[in-house]
Amino acid sequence: MNFGFSEEQDTIRETLARMLGDHASLEVAHARLDSGEGFDTATWSALAEGGWLGLAMSEAEGGSGMGAVELAILAEEIGRCLAAVPCLPVLYMAVPAIQSAGTDDQRKSLLPGIAEGRTIIATALAEGGGLAPDTVSAKVVQDRLSGKKSPVTFGTEATHALVAATDEEGTPRLYLADLSAPGVTKRALDPIDRTRPAAEIVFDNTPAELLPGSDAATIQRLLDGAAVLAAFEQIGLADRVLALTTAYAGERHAFGRPIGGFQAVKHRLADMFAKIELARSNAFFGAWALASGDSRLPEAAAVARLAALDAVQFTTEESIQLHGGIGFTWAADPHLFLRRGWQLKAELGPAAIWRERLLGTLANAPRAAS
C-alpha cells in the first residue's frame, strides 16, 4: 500500500493552504473569539467559490468528483488554520449520508446547495451525553419528528439538520429536517470553542424526511468516516501547534539562551512530534480504508480517532506549558488550539466511546487459522 500523496494532491494542498492563509488567519480566530460571532461566513463563501465544498461530490451533484483522500487533505488544512467553518457536520457527515442513504431527489435538491455554500446541514446525532446509534430517544411517527438534540454544532446557523431518530418500529434511522419548519426550537449553548457555535434543538412534531437507505449500521459507518476525517483535522491542528511552539522556543530566552536549546525542552518537542506522526500514520490507514471501502474501516477509524485525540491533547497542553506565563493568557495563541481540540473531542465523543468501539471490533473480528 502506498500512503503517499500524488503530485495532483500535493497541488491541491498548496492551493488550499494559500487560500485559507488569506482568509482564516489566527488573527481572524482571535477576533471571532473576542466578538463571539463564531461562524466565519467569509471563509465558507471562499471555500464554496473555489469549489472546495463540492470536493467529494460528483460533477452531476455540483462537485469535483474527487474522494476521501482529497477530503482528508482539506480537513488537515482546516485544522491547521483553525477555520471557523462547519466542515465536520456538513462535509464529513451530511454529504456522505445523503450520498449513501438518500434518494436521487434528495441528492439533487441538497448537494448542489451545499457545494455552493447556500445549504448548511447540521448533524444532530448527540443527546443525553451519548451518540447514535447507541443513544437515540428522538422518535419519528408518521413523518413527524419529536425529541431533543444537544449539542448540535453550528445548529444556530444551519438551514437543515440530519437527525438520528427511531422509526415506528424502534429502528435508528436518519432523517432530514428543515430548521425553518414548524415545531423547531433552538437554544444557543456556550461551547468550549466559541468559534464553533453550538445549540440545543428541540423538535416538536416537526416534518421530517427519511433517508431510506439508513439504519444503525449506516449511522455507525457515517461516524467512522467522520472520525477519520476529523483525525486529519486534529493532526493539522497539532502540527501547527508544534510549529508555533518550536518557533517560540527559539525566541524565548532563559539564563541568557533560547529555551529551545535546553535538552528538557528538546525532549518535550520531540515527544510532541512523535505523537503527531503516530496519529498521522493511523489516519493514513483510516483514509485508505475509507476511500477503498475496506472492511477494516471500523478498526482503522477507532485507532485514528484515539491516536489523534492523544496527539491533540498532549501537544496543546505542552504548548501552553512551553509558552510559560503568556501561555495561559487570552491574547496568546495556545488556548485557541486547546479549545478547538476539546471541541473536536466533544463533537464525536470522547476516547472512552472509541476505545469500546475498537475493543468490540477486535473481539468480533474473524480469527486467522492457526
Protein backbone atom coordinates (compact mmCIF):
# COMPACT_ATOMS: atom_id res chain seq x y z
CA MET A 1 0.00 0.00 0.00
CA ASN A 2 1.26 3.47 -0.88
CA PHE A 3 0.11 6.01 1.68
CA GLY A 4 1.86 8.93 -0.04
CA PHE A 5 0.09 11.76 -1.84
CA SER A 6 0.19 12.20 -5.59
CA GLU A 7 1.56 15.29 -7.30
CA GLU A 8 -2.01 16.43 -8.01
CA GLN A 9 -2.96 16.00 -4.35
CA ASP A 10 0.10 17.98 -3.22
CA THR A 11 -1.00 20.76 -5.57
CA ILE A 12 -4.47 20.68 -4.02
CA ARG A 13 -2.91 21.09 -0.57
CA GLU A 14 -0.71 24.00 -1.63
CA THR A 15 -3.58 25.83 -3.34
CA LEU A 16 -5.91 25.30 -0.40
CA ALA A 17 -3.28 26.39 2.12
CA ARG A 18 -2.73 29.66 0.24
CA MET A 19 -6.45 30.37 0.07
CA LEU A 20 -7.03 29.62 3.75
CA GLY A 21 -3.96 31.64 4.68
CA ASP A 22 -5.62 34.67 3.11
CA HIS A 23 -8.95 34.19 4.88
CA ALA A 24 -8.54 32.18 8.09
CA SER A 25 -5.53 33.54 9.95
CA LEU A 26 -5.02 33.27 13.71
CA GLU A 27 -5.82 36.98 13.91
CA VAL A 28 -9.26 36.17 12.49
CA ALA A 29 -9.68 33.36 15.03
CA HIS A 30 -8.83 35.75 17.89
CA ALA A 31 -11.24 38.36 16.53
CA ARG A 32 -14.08 35.85 16.27
CA LEU A 33 -13.44 34.55 19.75
CA ASP A 34 -13.40 38.10 21.13
CA SER A 35 -16.61 39.08 19.33
CA GLY A 36 -18.42 35.79 19.84
CA GLU A 37 -19.50 35.82 16.18
CA GLY A 38 -18.46 32.22 15.62
CA PHE A 39 -19.19 31.02 12.09
CA ASP A 40 -16.78 32.54 9.54
CA THR A 41 -19.13 33.11 6.61
CA ALA A 42 -16.41 34.82 4.54
CA THR A 43 -14.15 31.76 4.62
CA TRP A 44 -17.10 29.43 3.96
CA SER A 45 -18.04 31.52 0.92
CA ALA A 46 -14.44 31.46 -0.30
CA LEU A 47 -14.39 27.66 0.03
CA ALA A 48 -17.61 27.49 -2.00
CA GLU A 49 -16.32 29.83 -4.70
CA GLY A 50 -13.15 27.76 -5.02
CA GLY A 51 -15.12 24.54 -5.42
CA TRP A 52 -13.80 23.07 -2.17
CA LEU A 53 -17.21 22.33 -0.63
CA GLY A 54 -18.02 20.01 -3.52
CA LEU A 55 -14.66 18.26 -3.47
CA ALA A 56 -16.07 14.78 -2.80
CA MET A 57 -19.28 15.19 -4.83
CA SER A 58 -19.74 14.04 -8.41
CA GLU A 59 -19.93 16.59 -11.19
CA ALA A 60 -23.65 15.83 -11.53
CA GLU A 61 -24.05 16.78 -7.87
CA GLY A 62 -22.24 20.08 -8.41
CA GLY A 63 -18.82 18.90 -7.25
CA SER A 64 -15.34 17.98 -8.46
CA GLY A 65 -15.65 14.20 -8.48
CA MET A 66 -12.80 13.56 -6.06
CA GLY A 67 -12.85 11.38 -2.96
CA ALA A 68 -11.98 10.71 0.66
CA VAL A 69 -8.23 11.30 0.31
CA GLU A 70 -8.73 14.80 -1.12
CA LEU A 71 -11.29 15.48 1.61
CA ALA A 72 -8.68 14.41 4.19
CA ILE A 73 -6.27 16.99 2.73
CA LEU A 74 -8.96 19.64 3.10
CA ALA A 75 -9.61 18.54 6.70
CA GLU A 76 -5.93 18.79 7.66
CA GLU A 77 -5.62 22.31 6.26
CA ILE A 78 -8.84 23.40 8.00
CA GLY A 79 -7.37 22.16 11.29
CA ARG A 80 -4.06 23.85 10.63
CA CYS A 81 -5.62 27.29 10.29
CA LEU A 82 -8.47 26.84 12.82
CA ALA A 83 -11.05 27.98 10.29
CA ALA A 84 -14.43 28.58 11.95
CA VAL A 85 -16.42 26.64 9.34
CA PRO A 86 -18.76 23.62 9.62
CA CYS A 87 -16.74 21.08 7.63
CA LEU A 88 -17.26 18.27 10.14
CA PRO A 89 -21.08 18.32 10.26
CA VAL A 90 -21.60 19.27 6.61
CA LEU A 91 -18.80 17.72 4.55
CA TYR A 92 -17.70 14.78 6.70
CA MET A 93 -21.20 13.67 7.77
CA ALA A 94 -24.20 15.20 5.98
CA VAL A 95 -22.81 14.87 2.45
CA PRO A 96 -21.80 11.17 2.71
CA ALA A 97 -25.09 10.38 4.49
CA ILE A 98 -27.12 11.87 1.64
CA GLN A 99 -24.90 10.25 -0.98
CA SER A 100 -25.09 6.77 0.54
CA ALA A 101 -28.58 6.66 2.05
CA GLY A 102 -30.59 9.37 0.29
CA THR A 103 -32.81 9.24 -2.76
CA ASP A 104 -31.96 10.73 -6.14
CA ASP A 105 -34.34 13.60 -5.42
CA GLN A 106 -32.67 14.29 -2.06
CA ARG A 107 -29.24 14.30 -3.65
CA LYS A 108 -30.36 16.61 -6.45
CA SER A 109 -32.16 19.02 -4.13
CA LEU A 110 -29.50 19.31 -1.40
CA LEU A 111 -25.99 18.56 -2.65
CA PRO A 112 -25.67 21.42 -5.19
CA GLY A 113 -26.78 23.88 -2.49
CA ILE A 114 -24.11 22.53 -0.15
CA ALA A 115 -21.45 22.85 -2.86
CA GLU A 116 -22.48 26.47 -3.41
CA GLY A 117 -22.44 27.24 0.32
CA ARG A 118 -26.19 28.03 0.45
CA THR A 119 -27.30 24.92 2.34
CA ILE A 120 -25.78 24.13 5.74
CA ILE A 121 -26.79 20.83 7.31
CA ALA A 122 -26.01 20.37 10.98
CA THR A 123 -25.75 16.81 12.29
CA ALA A 124 -27.95 16.09 15.29
CA LEU A 125 -26.67 12.70 16.44
CA ALA A 126 -25.88 13.53 20.07
CA GLU A 127 -28.26 13.54 23.01
CA GLY A 128 -28.04 12.85 26.72
CA GLY A 129 -24.26 12.54 26.66
CA GLY A 130 -24.31 9.73 24.09
CA LEU A 131 -24.12 9.25 20.32
CA ALA A 132 -26.39 7.50 17.87
CA PRO A 133 -26.95 4.68 17.12
CA ASP A 134 -26.30 3.64 20.73
CA THR A 135 -28.23 6.55 22.26
CA VAL A 136 -31.38 7.59 20.42
CA SER A 137 -34.54 8.79 22.13
CA ALA A 138 -35.88 11.10 19.40
CA LYS A 139 -38.76 9.47 17.51
CA VAL A 140 -40.50 9.82 14.17
CA VAL A 141 -44.16 8.86 13.90
CA GLN A 142 -45.98 9.36 10.60
CA ASP A 143 -43.15 11.54 9.25
CA ARG A 144 -43.25 13.83 12.31
CA LEU A 145 -40.14 14.20 14.47
CA SER A 146 -40.12 14.78 18.22
CA GLY A 147 -37.13 14.90 20.55
CA LYS A 148 -34.23 16.99 21.80
CA LYS A 149 -30.70 17.02 20.39
CA SER A 150 -27.72 18.61 22.12
CA PRO A 151 -25.11 19.74 21.38
CA VAL A 152 -25.62 20.44 17.68
CA THR A 153 -22.54 22.20 16.32
CA PHE A 154 -23.39 25.13 14.02
CA GLY A 155 -27.03 24.38 14.77
CA THR A 156 -27.91 28.06 15.07
CA GLU A 157 -26.52 28.78 11.58
CA ALA A 158 -27.80 25.65 9.81
CA THR A 159 -30.65 25.55 7.32
CA HIS A 160 -31.31 21.84 7.86
CA ALA A 161 -30.45 19.11 10.35
CA LEU A 162 -29.50 15.48 9.79
CA VAL A 163 -31.22 13.83 12.75
CA ALA A 164 -30.85 10.35 14.23
CA ALA A 165 -34.25 9.14 15.43
CA THR A 166 -36.10 5.85 15.78
CA ASP A 167 -38.85 4.96 13.38
CA GLU A 168 -42.19 3.44 14.40
CA GLU A 169 -40.57 0.01 14.73
CA GLY A 170 -37.86 1.38 17.02
CA THR A 171 -35.04 1.18 14.44
CA PRO A 172 -32.49 4.05 14.46
CA ARG A 173 -32.70 5.89 11.12
CA LEU A 174 -31.52 9.18 9.65
CA TYR A 175 -33.95 11.97 8.85
CA LEU A 176 -33.66 15.42 7.28
CA ALA A 177 -35.46 18.29 8.98
CA ASP A 178 -35.84 21.83 7.67
CA LEU A 179 -34.92 24.04 10.63
CA SER A 180 -37.31 26.75 9.46
CA ALA A 181 -40.25 24.33 9.71
CA PRO A 182 -42.90 24.49 12.47
CA GLY A 183 -42.06 22.83 15.75
CA VAL A 184 -38.33 23.66 15.79
CA THR A 185 -36.91 25.49 18.78
CA LYS A 186 -33.23 26.43 19.01
CA ARG A 187 -31.34 27.49 22.11
CA ALA A 188 -27.75 28.69 21.74
CA LEU A 189 -25.22 26.99 24.02
CA ASP A 190 -21.89 28.27 25.31
CA PRO A 191 -19.37 25.89 23.72
CA ILE A 192 -15.78 25.33 24.74
CA ASP A 193 -14.68 26.90 21.46
CA ARG A 194 -16.92 29.83 20.60
CA THR A 195 -15.67 29.80 17.01
CA ARG A 196 -17.73 26.59 16.69
CA PRO A 197 -21.16 27.72 17.93
CA ALA A 198 -23.49 25.04 19.25
CA ALA A 199 -27.18 24.78 20.01
CA GLU A 200 -29.80 22.64 21.68
CA ILE A 201 -32.54 21.87 19.17
CA VAL A 202 -35.98 20.66 20.22
CA PHE A 203 -38.27 19.09 17.62
CA ASP A 204 -41.97 19.03 18.41
CA ASN A 205 -43.99 17.19 15.77
CA THR A 206 -41.70 18.64 13.09
CA PRO A 207 -41.98 17.39 9.49
CA ALA A 208 -39.08 15.04 8.76
CA GLU A 209 -37.90 13.27 5.62
CA LEU A 210 -36.39 9.81 5.89
CA LEU A 211 -33.10 8.88 4.24
CA PRO A 212 -34.45 5.49 3.13
CA GLY A 213 -31.10 3.72 2.96
CA SER A 214 -30.25 4.47 6.59
CA ASP A 215 -30.18 2.18 9.61
CA ALA A 216 -27.98 1.68 12.68
CA ALA A 217 -25.12 0.30 10.58
CA THR A 218 -25.31 3.31 8.27
CA ILE A 219 -25.06 5.68 11.21
CA GLN A 220 -22.03 3.85 12.57
CA ARG A 221 -20.28 3.88 9.17
CA LEU A 222 -21.01 7.57 8.94
CA LEU A 223 -19.37 8.15 12.32
CA ASP A 224 -16.38 6.00 11.32
CA GLY A 225 -15.81 8.08 8.20
CA ALA A 226 -16.22 11.33 10.12
CA ALA A 227 -13.75 10.09 12.76
CA VAL A 228 -11.10 9.52 10.09
CA LEU A 229 -11.57 12.97 8.55
CA ALA A 230 -11.73 14.66 11.96
CA ALA A 231 -8.45 12.91 12.80
CA PHE A 232 -6.83 14.72 9.87
CA GLU A 233 -8.29 18.00 11.12
CA GLN A 234 -6.83 17.27 14.55
CA ILE A 235 -3.45 16.39 13.04
CA GLY A 236 -3.37 19.68 11.15
CA LEU A 237 -4.15 21.46 14.41
CA ALA A 238 -1.44 19.59 16.34
CA ASP A 239 1.11 20.11 13.58
CA ARG A 240 0.50 23.88 13.65
CA VAL A 241 0.82 23.87 17.44
CA LEU A 242 4.18 22.14 17.21
CA ALA A 243 5.45 24.64 14.62
CA LEU A 244 4.34 27.64 16.69
CA THR A 245 5.78 26.20 19.90
CA THR A 246 9.08 25.32 18.26
CA ALA A 247 9.36 28.87 16.88
CA TYR A 248 8.57 30.35 20.28
CA ALA A 249 11.15 28.10 21.96
CA GLY A 250 13.73 29.73 19.68
CA GLU A 251 12.60 33.23 20.70
CA ARG A 252 12.04 32.91 24.43
CA HIS A 253 15.24 33.26 26.47
CA ALA A 254 16.12 31.97 29.91
CA PHE A 255 19.54 32.19 31.56
CA GLY A 256 20.85 34.03 28.53
CA ARG A 257 19.90 31.49 25.85
CA PRO A 258 16.83 30.34 23.90
CA ILE A 259 14.84 27.75 25.84
CA GLY A 260 14.83 25.57 22.72
CA GLY A 261 18.49 24.90 23.39
CA PHE A 262 17.77 23.12 26.66
CA GLN A 263 17.66 19.34 26.48
CA ALA A 264 14.46 19.05 28.52
CA VAL A 265 12.61 21.35 26.11
CA LYS A 266 14.01 19.48 23.10
CA HIS A 267 12.69 16.24 24.56
CA ARG A 268 9.21 17.70 25.03
CA LEU A 269 9.13 19.00 21.45
CA ALA A 270 10.34 15.60 20.22
CA ASP A 271 7.55 13.89 22.17
CA MET A 272 5.03 16.21 20.53
CA PHE A 273 6.41 15.31 17.11
CA ALA A 274 6.27 11.58 17.86
CA LYS A 275 2.62 11.76 18.96
CA ILE A 276 1.68 13.62 15.78
CA GLU A 277 3.49 11.20 13.47
CA LEU A 278 1.88 8.21 15.17
CA ALA A 279 -1.52 9.83 14.70
CA ARG A 280 -0.70 10.65 11.09
CA SER A 281 0.21 7.06 10.22
CA ASN A 282 -3.04 5.80 11.76
CA ALA A 283 -5.03 8.49 9.94
CA PHE A 284 -3.43 7.44 6.63
CA PHE A 285 -4.64 3.88 7.21
CA GLY A 286 -8.09 5.23 8.03
CA ALA A 287 -8.17 7.33 4.86
CA TRP A 288 -7.17 4.34 2.76
CA ALA A 289 -9.88 2.19 4.37
CA LEU A 290 -12.47 4.92 3.85
CA ALA A 291 -11.51 5.56 0.23
CA SER A 292 -11.32 1.88 -0.70
CA GLY A 293 -14.37 0.70 1.24
CA ASP A 294 -12.24 -1.78 3.17
CA SER A 295 -13.97 -3.88 5.82
CA ARG A 296 -11.40 -2.77 8.41
CA LEU A 297 -12.75 0.79 8.45
CA PRO A 298 -14.31 0.45 11.95
CA GLU A 299 -10.95 -0.62 13.39
CA ALA A 300 -8.99 1.96 11.39
CA ALA A 301 -11.38 4.76 12.34
CA ALA A 302 -11.25 3.96 16.05
CA VAL A 303 -7.45 3.81 16.07
CA ALA A 304 -7.19 7.04 14.06
CA ARG A 305 -9.60 8.77 16.42
CA LEU A 306 -7.80 7.61 19.57
CA ALA A 307 -4.32 8.50 18.29
CA ALA A 308 -5.50 11.93 17.11
CA LEU A 309 -7.20 12.68 20.43
CA ASP A 310 -4.00 11.77 22.26
CA ALA A 311 -1.81 13.87 19.94
CA VAL A 312 -4.01 16.96 20.23
CA GLN A 313 -4.36 16.80 24.00
CA PHE A 314 -0.63 16.29 24.51
CA THR A 315 0.58 18.93 22.06
CA THR A 316 -1.86 21.66 23.13
CA GLU A 317 -1.16 21.17 26.83
CA GLU A 318 2.60 21.08 26.25
CA SER A 319 2.36 24.21 24.12
CA ILE A 320 0.75 26.16 26.93
CA GLN A 321 3.43 24.98 29.34
CA LEU A 322 6.32 25.79 26.99
CA HIS A 323 4.92 29.27 26.34
CA GLY A 324 5.42 29.97 30.03
CA GLY A 325 3.45 32.76 31.70
CA ILE A 326 1.91 34.10 28.49
CA GLY A 327 0.69 30.64 27.51
CA PHE A 328 -2.27 30.99 29.87
CA THR A 329 -3.32 34.42 28.61
CA TRP A 330 -6.25 35.26 26.34
CA ALA A 331 -4.04 37.21 23.93
CA ALA A 332 -1.66 34.30 23.24
CA ASP A 333 -2.32 31.62 20.61
CA PRO A 334 -2.10 28.30 22.54
CA HIS A 335 -5.58 28.45 24.05
CA LEU A 336 -7.12 28.73 20.57
CA PHE A 337 -5.77 25.29 19.72
CA LEU A 338 -6.59 23.85 23.13
CA ARG A 339 -10.22 24.98 22.80
CA ARG A 340 -10.56 23.63 19.27
CA GLY A 341 -9.05 20.32 20.35
CA TRP A 342 -11.51 19.98 23.22
CA GLN A 343 -14.40 20.94 20.93
CA LEU A 344 -13.49 18.35 18.30
CA LYS A 345 -13.28 15.79 21.09
CA ALA A 346 -16.79 16.69 22.27
CA GLU A 347 -18.32 16.60 18.79
CA LEU A 348 -17.64 12.95 18.02
CA GLY A 349 -17.40 11.64 21.55
CA PRO A 350 -14.51 11.09 23.97
CA ALA A 351 -11.85 8.41 23.86
CA ALA A 352 -13.91 6.00 26.01
CA ILE A 353 -16.54 5.63 23.27
CA TRP A 354 -13.96 4.89 20.61
CA ARG A 355 -11.97 2.58 22.85
CA GLU A 356 -15.11 0.49 23.34
CA ARG A 357 -15.71 0.63 19.60
CA LEU A 358 -12.19 -0.65 18.92
CA LEU A 359 -12.41 -3.44 21.51
CA GLY A 360 -15.76 -4.56 20.15
CA THR A 361 -14.44 -4.57 16.59
CA LEU A 362 -11.38 -6.60 17.52
CA ALA A 363 -13.41 -9.04 19.61
CA ASN A 364 -15.77 -9.72 16.69
CA ALA A 365 -13.09 -9.90 14.01
CA PRO A 366 -12.60 -13.35 12.40
CA ARG A 367 -9.52 -15.09 13.69
CA ALA A 368 -6.87 -16.43 11.37
CA ALA A 369 -6.48 -20.21 11.36
CA SER A 370 -3.57 -21.36 13.49
